[in-house]
């Protein structure tokens, strides 16, 4: 997974795979998801990311299945 933050437009792009995008769906006014031909998530775009998604601060935590 890659996370790209474009400071000039305050846009975050979360890339989950390298598959070709077949369709883009608007989830809300500032959130869009890109899907491949099978409906799998390829990427997500968040506009106004600093205000809507607390970006550019990003934290990743891996949880071991035995700890949950």
PDB file of N, CA and C in Angstrom:
ATOM      1  N   UNK A   1       0.853  -1.171   0.000  1.00  0.00           N
ATOM      2  CA  UNK A   1       0.000   0.000   0.000  1.00  0.00           C
ATOM      3  C   UNK A   1       0.897   1.233   0.000  1.00  0.00           C
ATOM      4  N   UNK A   2       0.540   2.204  -0.787  1.00  0.00           N
ATOM      5  CA  UNK A   2       1.238   3.481  -0.840  1.00  0.00           C
ATOM      6  C   UNK A   2       0.270   4.594  -0.465  1.00  0.00           C
ATOM      7  N   UNK A   3       0.771   5.558   0.284  1.00  0.00           N
ATOM      8  CA  UNK A   3      -0.010   6.739   0.612  1.00  0.00           C
ATOM      9  C   UNK A   3       0.748   7.943   0.071  1.00  0.00           C
ATOM     10  N   UNK A   4       0.073   8.730  -0.753  1.00  0.00           N
ATOM     11  CA  UNK A   4       0.669   9.941  -1.306  1.00  0.00           C
ATOM     12  C   UNK A   4      -0.175  11.123  -0.857  1.00  0.00           C
ATOM     13  N   UNK A   5       0.512  12.162  -0.375  1.00  0.00           N
ATOM     14  CA  UNK A   5      -0.178  13.372   0.054  1.00  0.00           C
ATOM     15  C   UNK A   5       0.313  14.526  -0.804  1.00  0.00           C
ATOM     16  N   UNK A   6      -0.617  15.185  -1.485  1.00  0.00           N
ATOM     17  CA  UNK A   6      -0.312  16.315  -2.353  1.00  0.00           C
ATOM     18  C   UNK A   6      -0.671  17.591  -1.592  1.00  0.00           C
ATOM     19  N   UNK A   7       0.346  18.201  -1.004  1.00  0.00           N
ATOM     20  CA  UNK A   7       0.132  19.363  -0.134  1.00  0.00           C
ATOM     21  C   UNK A   7      -0.511  20.527  -0.887  1.00  0.00           C
ATOM     22  N   UNK A   8      -0.123  20.721  -2.150  1.00  0.00           N
ATOM     23  CA  UNK A   8      -0.640  21.869  -2.906  1.00  0.00           C
ATOM     24  C   UNK A   8      -2.143  21.806  -3.116  1.00  0.00           C
ATOM     25  N   UNK A   9      -2.716  20.606  -3.168  1.00  0.00           N
ATOM     26  CA  UNK A   9      -4.167  20.462  -3.347  1.00  0.00           C
ATOM     27  C   UNK A   9      -4.852  19.866  -2.117  1.00  0.00           C
ATOM     28  N   UNK A  10      -4.055  19.560  -1.068  1.00  0.00           N
ATOM     29  CA  UNK A  10      -4.572  18.929   0.155  1.00  0.00           C
ATOM     30  C   UNK A  10      -5.363  17.668  -0.175  1.00  0.00           C
ATOM     31  N   UNK A  11      -4.731  16.824  -1.001  1.00  0.00           N
ATOM     32  CA  UNK A  11      -5.365  15.587  -1.454  1.00  0.00           C
ATOM     33  C   UNK A  11      -4.505  14.400  -1.060  1.00  0.00           C
ATOM     34  N   UNK A  12      -5.142  13.360  -0.538  1.00  0.00           N
ATOM     35  CA  UNK A  12      -4.445  12.119  -0.211  1.00  0.00           C
ATOM     36  C   UNK A  12      -4.877  11.037  -1.188  1.00  0.00           C
ATOM     37  N   UNK A  13      -3.912  10.255  -1.633  1.00  0.00           N
ATOM     38  CA  UNK A  13      -4.176   9.121  -2.512  1.00  0.00           C
ATOM     39  C   UNK A  13      -3.636   7.879  -1.841  1.00  0.00           C
ATOM     40  N   UNK A  14      -4.521   6.936  -1.543  1.00  0.00           N
ATOM     41  CA  UNK A  14      -4.136   5.669  -0.942  1.00  0.00           C
ATOM     42  C   UNK A  14      -4.229   4.609  -2.025  1.00  0.00           C
ATOM     43  N   UNK A  15      -3.097   4.027  -2.387  1.00  0.00           N
ATOM     44  CA  UNK A  15      -3.055   3.024  -3.459  1.00  0.00           C
ATOM     45  C   UNK A  15      -2.926   1.634  -2.848  1.00  0.00           C
ATOM     46  N   UNK A  16      -3.880   0.769  -3.178  1.00  0.00           N
ATOM     47  CA  UNK A  16      -3.911  -0.575  -2.610  1.00  0.00           C
ATOM     48  C   UNK A  16      -3.398  -1.633  -3.566  1.00  0.00           C
ATOM     49  N   UNK A  17      -3.453  -1.372  -4.856  1.00  0.00           N
ATOM     50  CA  UNK A  17      -2.940  -2.310  -5.854  1.00  0.00           C
ATOM     51  C   UNK A  17      -2.558  -1.559  -7.114  1.00  0.00           C
ATOM     52  N   UNK A  18      -1.905  -2.278  -8.033  1.00  0.00           N
ATOM     53  CA  UNK A  18      -1.503  -1.690  -9.315  1.00  0.00           C
ATOM     54  C   UNK A  18      -2.472  -2.042 -10.438  1.00  0.00           C
ATOM     55  N   UNK A  19      -3.609  -2.606 -10.098  1.00  0.00           N
ATOM     56  CA  UNK A  19      -4.590  -3.014 -11.115  1.00  0.00           C
ATOM     57  C   UNK A  19      -5.121  -1.798 -11.867  1.00  0.00           C
ATOM     58  N   UNK A  20      -5.573  -2.029 -13.068  1.00  0.00           N
ATOM     59  CA  UNK A  20      -6.166  -0.960 -13.876  1.00  0.00           C
ATOM     60  C   UNK A  20      -7.522  -0.563 -13.299  1.00  0.00           C
ATOM     61  N   UNK A  21      -7.782   0.723 -13.285  1.00  0.00           N
ATOM     62  CA  UNK A  21      -9.050   1.239 -12.768  1.00  0.00           C
ATOM     63  C   UNK A  21     -10.114   1.112 -13.843  1.00  0.00           C
ATOM     64  N   UNK A  22     -11.230   0.477 -13.472  1.00  0.00           N
ATOM     65  CA  UNK A  22     -12.360   0.307 -14.386  1.00  0.00           C
ATOM     66  C   UNK A  22     -13.487   1.292 -14.067  1.00  0.00           C
ATOM     67  N   UNK A  23     -13.587   1.673 -12.781  1.00  0.00           N
ATOM     68  CA  UNK A  23     -14.698   2.529 -12.361  1.00  0.00           C
ATOM     69  C   UNK A  23     -14.291   3.345 -11.140  1.00  0.00           C
ATOM     70  N   UNK A  24     -14.731   4.587 -11.078  1.00  0.00           N
ATOM     71  CA  UNK A  24     -14.550   5.435  -9.907  1.00  0.00           C
ATOM     72  C   UNK A  24     -15.920   5.730  -9.323  1.00  0.00           C
ATOM     73  N   UNK A  25     -16.037   5.529  -8.012  1.00  0.00           N
ATOM     74  CA  UNK A  25     -17.304   5.793  -7.317  1.00  0.00           C
ATOM     75  C   UNK A  25     -17.105   6.887  -6.276  1.00  0.00           C
ATOM     76  N   UNK A  26     -18.066   7.783  -6.216  1.00  0.00           N
ATOM     77  CA  UNK A  26     -18.055   8.825  -5.195  1.00  0.00           C
ATOM     78  C   UNK A  26     -18.697   8.257  -3.937  1.00  0.00           C
ATOM     79  N   UNK A  27     -17.938   8.215  -2.857  1.00  0.00           N
ATOM     80  CA  UNK A  27     -18.442   7.708  -1.581  1.00  0.00           C
ATOM     81  C   UNK A  27     -19.106   8.833  -0.793  1.00  0.00           C
ATOM     82  N   UNK A  28     -18.483   9.986  -0.821  1.00  0.00           N
ATOM     83  CA  UNK A  28     -19.044  11.199  -0.228  1.00  0.00           C
ATOM     84  C   UNK A  28     -18.496  12.372  -1.022  1.00  0.00           C
ATOM     85  N   UNK A  29     -18.821  13.572  -0.596  1.00  0.00           N
ATOM     86  CA  UNK A  29     -18.411  14.756  -1.354  1.00  0.00           C
ATOM     87  C   UNK A  29     -16.898  14.845  -1.555  1.00  0.00           C
ATOM     88  N   UNK A  30     -16.110  14.299  -0.631  1.00  0.00           N
ATOM     89  CA  UNK A  30     -14.656  14.423  -0.695  1.00  0.00           C
ATOM     90  C   UNK A  30     -13.915  13.092  -0.773  1.00  0.00           C
ATOM     91  N   UNK A  31     -14.626  11.987  -0.924  1.00  0.00           N
ATOM     92  CA  UNK A  31     -13.990  10.673  -0.937  1.00  0.00           C
ATOM     93  C   UNK A  31     -14.433   9.886  -2.166  1.00  0.00           C
ATOM     94  N   UNK A  32     -13.441   9.373  -2.894  1.00  0.00           N
ATOM     95  CA  UNK A  32     -13.692   8.593  -4.107  1.00  0.00           C
ATOM     96  C   UNK A  32     -12.896   7.300  -4.040  1.00  0.00           C
ATOM     97  N   UNK A  33     -13.478   6.217  -4.539  1.00  0.00           N
ATOM     98  CA  UNK A  33     -12.750   4.953  -4.620  1.00  0.00           C
ATOM     99  C   UNK A  33     -12.681   4.510  -6.078  1.00  0.00           C
ATOM    100  N   UNK A  34     -11.550   3.917  -6.422  1.00  0.00           N
ATOM    101  CA  UNK A  34     -11.338   3.357  -7.751  1.00  0.00           C
ATOM    102  C   UNK A  34     -11.393   1.845  -7.642  1.00  0.00           C
ATOM    103  N   UNK A  35     -12.141   1.219  -8.548  1.00  0.00           N
ATOM    104  CA  UNK A  35     -12.326  -0.228  -8.545  1.00  0.00           C
ATOM    105  C   UNK A  35     -11.810  -0.829  -9.847  1.00  0.00           C
ATOM    106  N   UNK A  36     -11.332  -2.077  -9.766  1.00  0.00           N
ATOM    107  CA  UNK A  36     -10.919  -2.771 -10.979  1.00  0.00           C
ATOM    108  C   UNK A  36     -12.136  -3.424 -11.634  1.00  0.00           C
ATOM    109  N   UNK A  37     -11.929  -4.165 -12.710  1.00  0.00           N
ATOM    110  CA  UNK A  37     -13.047  -4.758 -13.466  1.00  0.00           C
ATOM    111  C   UNK A  37     -13.843  -5.771 -12.651  1.00  0.00           C
ATOM    112  N   UNK A  38     -13.240  -6.315 -11.577  1.00  0.00           N
ATOM    113  CA  UNK A  38     -13.928  -7.282 -10.724  1.00  0.00           C
ATOM    114  C   UNK A  38     -14.540  -6.639  -9.482  1.00  0.00           C
ATOM    115  N   UNK A  39     -14.447  -5.319  -9.388  1.00  0.00           N
ATOM    116  CA  UNK A  39     -15.016  -4.611  -8.243  1.00  0.00           C
ATOM    117  C   UNK A  39     -14.104  -4.533  -7.044  1.00  0.00           C
ATOM    118  N   UNK A  40     -12.831  -4.910  -7.210  1.00  0.00           N
ATOM    119  CA  UNK A  40     -11.874  -4.851  -6.106  1.00  0.00           C
ATOM    120  C   UNK A  40     -11.313  -3.436  -5.965  1.00  0.00           C
ATOM    121  N   UNK A  41     -11.041  -3.043  -4.737  1.00  0.00           N
ATOM    122  CA  UNK A  41     -10.519  -1.717  -4.444  1.00  0.00           C
ATOM    123  C   UNK A  41      -9.099  -1.557  -4.978  1.00  0.00           C
ATOM    124  N   UNK A  42      -8.878  -0.520  -5.775  1.00  0.00           N
ATOM    125  CA  UNK A  42      -7.559  -0.199  -6.317  1.00  0.00           C
ATOM    126  C   UNK A  42      -6.959   0.974  -5.550  1.00  0.00           C
ATOM    127  N   UNK A  43      -7.747   2.036  -5.367  1.00  0.00           N
ATOM    128  CA  UNK A  43      -7.250   3.213  -4.658  1.00  0.00           C
ATOM    129  C   UNK A  43      -8.401   4.030  -4.089  1.00  0.00           C
ATOM    130  N   UNK A  44      -8.027   4.956  -3.201  1.00  0.00           N
ATOM    131  CA  UNK A  44      -8.995   5.865  -2.596  1.00  0.00           C
ATOM    132  C   UNK A  44      -8.402   7.264  -2.609  1.00  0.00           C
ATOM    133  N   UNK A  45      -9.201   8.235  -2.982  1.00  0.00           N
ATOM    134  CA  UNK A  45      -8.783   9.628  -2.988  1.00  0.00           C
ATOM    135  C   UNK A  45      -9.595  10.383  -1.943  1.00  0.00           C
ATOM    136  N   UNK A  46      -8.886  11.168  -1.118  1.00  0.00           N
ATOM    137  CA  UNK A  46      -9.539  11.984  -0.101  1.00  0.00           C
ATOM    138  C   UNK A  46      -9.154  13.438  -0.363  1.00  0.00           C
ATOM    139  N   UNK A  47     -10.133  14.234  -0.730  1.00  0.00           N
ATOM    140  CA  UNK A  47      -9.904  15.661  -0.938  1.00  0.00           C
ATOM    141  C   UNK A  47     -10.064  16.388   0.389  1.00  0.00           C
ATOM    142  N   UNK A  48      -9.381  17.529   0.549  1.00  0.00           N
ATOM    143  CA  UNK A  48      -9.372  18.280   1.809  1.00  0.00           C
ATOM    144  C   UNK A  48      -8.914  17.368   2.942  1.00  0.00           C
ATOM    145  N   UNK A  49      -7.863  16.618   2.667  1.00  0.00           N
ATOM    146  CA  UNK A  49      -7.402  15.557   3.559  1.00  0.00           C
ATOM    147  C   UNK A  49      -6.973  16.048   4.932  1.00  0.00           C
ATOM    148  N   UNK A  50      -6.354  17.203   5.009  1.00  0.00           N
ATOM    149  CA  UNK A  50      -5.901  17.700   6.312  1.00  0.00           C
ATOM    150  C   UNK A  50      -7.067  17.881   7.276  1.00  0.00           C
ATOM    151  N   UNK A  51      -8.181  18.359   6.777  1.00  0.00           N
ATOM    152  CA  UNK A  51      -9.346  18.591   7.621  1.00  0.00           C
ATOM    153  C   UNK A  51     -10.203  17.345   7.787  1.00  0.00           C
ATOM    154  N   UNK A  52     -10.348  16.562   6.729  1.00  0.00           N
ATOM    155  CA  UNK A  52     -11.282  15.433   6.745  1.00  0.00           C
ATOM    156  C   UNK A  52     -10.675  14.139   7.270  1.00  0.00           C
ATOM    157  N   UNK A  53      -9.364  13.956   7.109  1.00  0.00           N
ATOM    158  CA  UNK A  53      -8.762  12.664   7.455  1.00  0.00           C
ATOM    159  C   UNK A  53      -7.530  12.791   8.343  1.00  0.00           C
ATOM    160  N   UNK A  54      -7.338  13.951   8.956  1.00  0.00           N
ATOM    161  CA  UNK A  54      -6.200  14.181   9.842  1.00  0.00           C
ATOM    162  C   UNK A  54      -4.868  13.913   9.140  1.00  0.00           C
ATOM    163  N   UNK A  55      -4.791  14.260   7.880  1.00  0.00           N
ATOM    164  CA  UNK A  55      -3.546  14.102   7.136  1.00  0.00           C
ATOM    165  C   UNK A  55      -2.879  15.459   7.037  1.00  0.00           C
ATOM    166  N   UNK A  56      -1.594  15.569   6.940  1.00  0.00           N
ATOM    167  CA  UNK A  56      -0.662  14.549   6.494  1.00  0.00           C
ATOM    168  C   UNK A  56      -0.140  13.625   7.580  1.00  0.00           C
ATOM    169  N   UNK A  57      -0.621  13.678   8.814  1.00  0.00           N
ATOM    170  CA  UNK A  57      -0.154  12.748   9.838  1.00  0.00           C
ATOM    171  C   UNK A  57      -0.751  11.364   9.579  1.00  0.00           C
ATOM    172  N   UNK A  58       0.125  10.378   9.366  1.00  0.00           N
ATOM    173  CA  UNK A  58      -0.323   9.009   9.098  1.00  0.00           C
ATOM    174  C   UNK A  58       0.410   8.061  10.037  1.00  0.00           C
ATOM    175  N   UNK A  59      -0.320   7.127  10.585  1.00  0.00           N
ATOM    176  CA  UNK A  59       0.249   6.121  11.465  1.00  0.00           C
ATOM    177  C   UNK A  59      -0.242   4.747  11.005  1.00  0.00           C
ATOM    178  N   UNK A  60       0.655   3.777  10.987  1.00  0.00           N
ATOM    179  CA  UNK A  60       0.290   2.420  10.613  1.00  0.00           C
ATOM    180  C   UNK A  60       0.633   1.498  11.769  1.00  0.00           C
ATOM    181  N   UNK A  61      -0.319   0.670  12.157  1.00  0.00           N
ATOM    182  CA  UNK A  61      -0.101  -0.269  13.249  1.00  0.00           C
ATOM    183  C   UNK A  61      -0.505  -1.655  12.782  1.00  0.00           C
ATOM    184  N   UNK A  62       0.428  -2.593  12.893  1.00  0.00           N
ATOM    185  CA  UNK A  62       0.133  -3.982  12.517  1.00  0.00           C
ATOM    186  C   UNK A  62      -0.259  -4.739  13.776  1.00  0.00           C
ATOM    187  N   UNK A  63      -1.419  -5.399  13.717  1.00  0.00           N
ATOM    188  CA  UNK A  63      -1.938  -6.133  14.858  1.00  0.00           C
ATOM    189  C   UNK A  63      -1.796  -7.624  14.591  1.00  0.00           C
ATOM    190  N   UNK A  64      -1.112  -8.321  15.478  1.00  0.00           N
ATOM    191  CA  UNK A  64      -0.962  -9.762  15.365  1.00  0.00           C
ATOM    192  C   UNK A  64      -2.305 -10.413  15.687  1.00  0.00           C
ATOM    193  N   UNK A  65      -2.717 -11.374  14.874  1.00  0.00           N
ATOM    194  CA  UNK A  65      -4.016 -12.021  15.054  1.00  0.00           C
ATOM    195  C   UNK A  65      -4.158 -12.647  16.435  1.00  0.00           C
ATOM    196  N   UNK A  66      -3.085 -13.150  17.004  1.00  0.00           N
ATOM    197  CA  UNK A  66      -3.158 -13.779  18.329  1.00  0.00           C
ATOM    198  C   UNK A  66      -3.342 -12.753  19.439  1.00  0.00           C
ATOM    199  N   UNK A  67      -3.042 -11.487  19.173  1.00  0.00           N
ATOM    200  CA  UNK A  67      -3.179 -10.438  20.194  1.00  0.00           C
ATOM    201  C   UNK A  67      -4.559  -9.827  20.212  1.00  0.00           C
ATOM    202  N   UNK A  68      -5.342 -10.065  19.174  1.00  0.00           N
ATOM    203  CA  UNK A  68      -6.653  -9.416  19.077  1.00  0.00           C
ATOM    204  C   UNK A  68      -7.715 -10.146  19.843  1.00  0.00           C
TER     205      UNK A  68
END
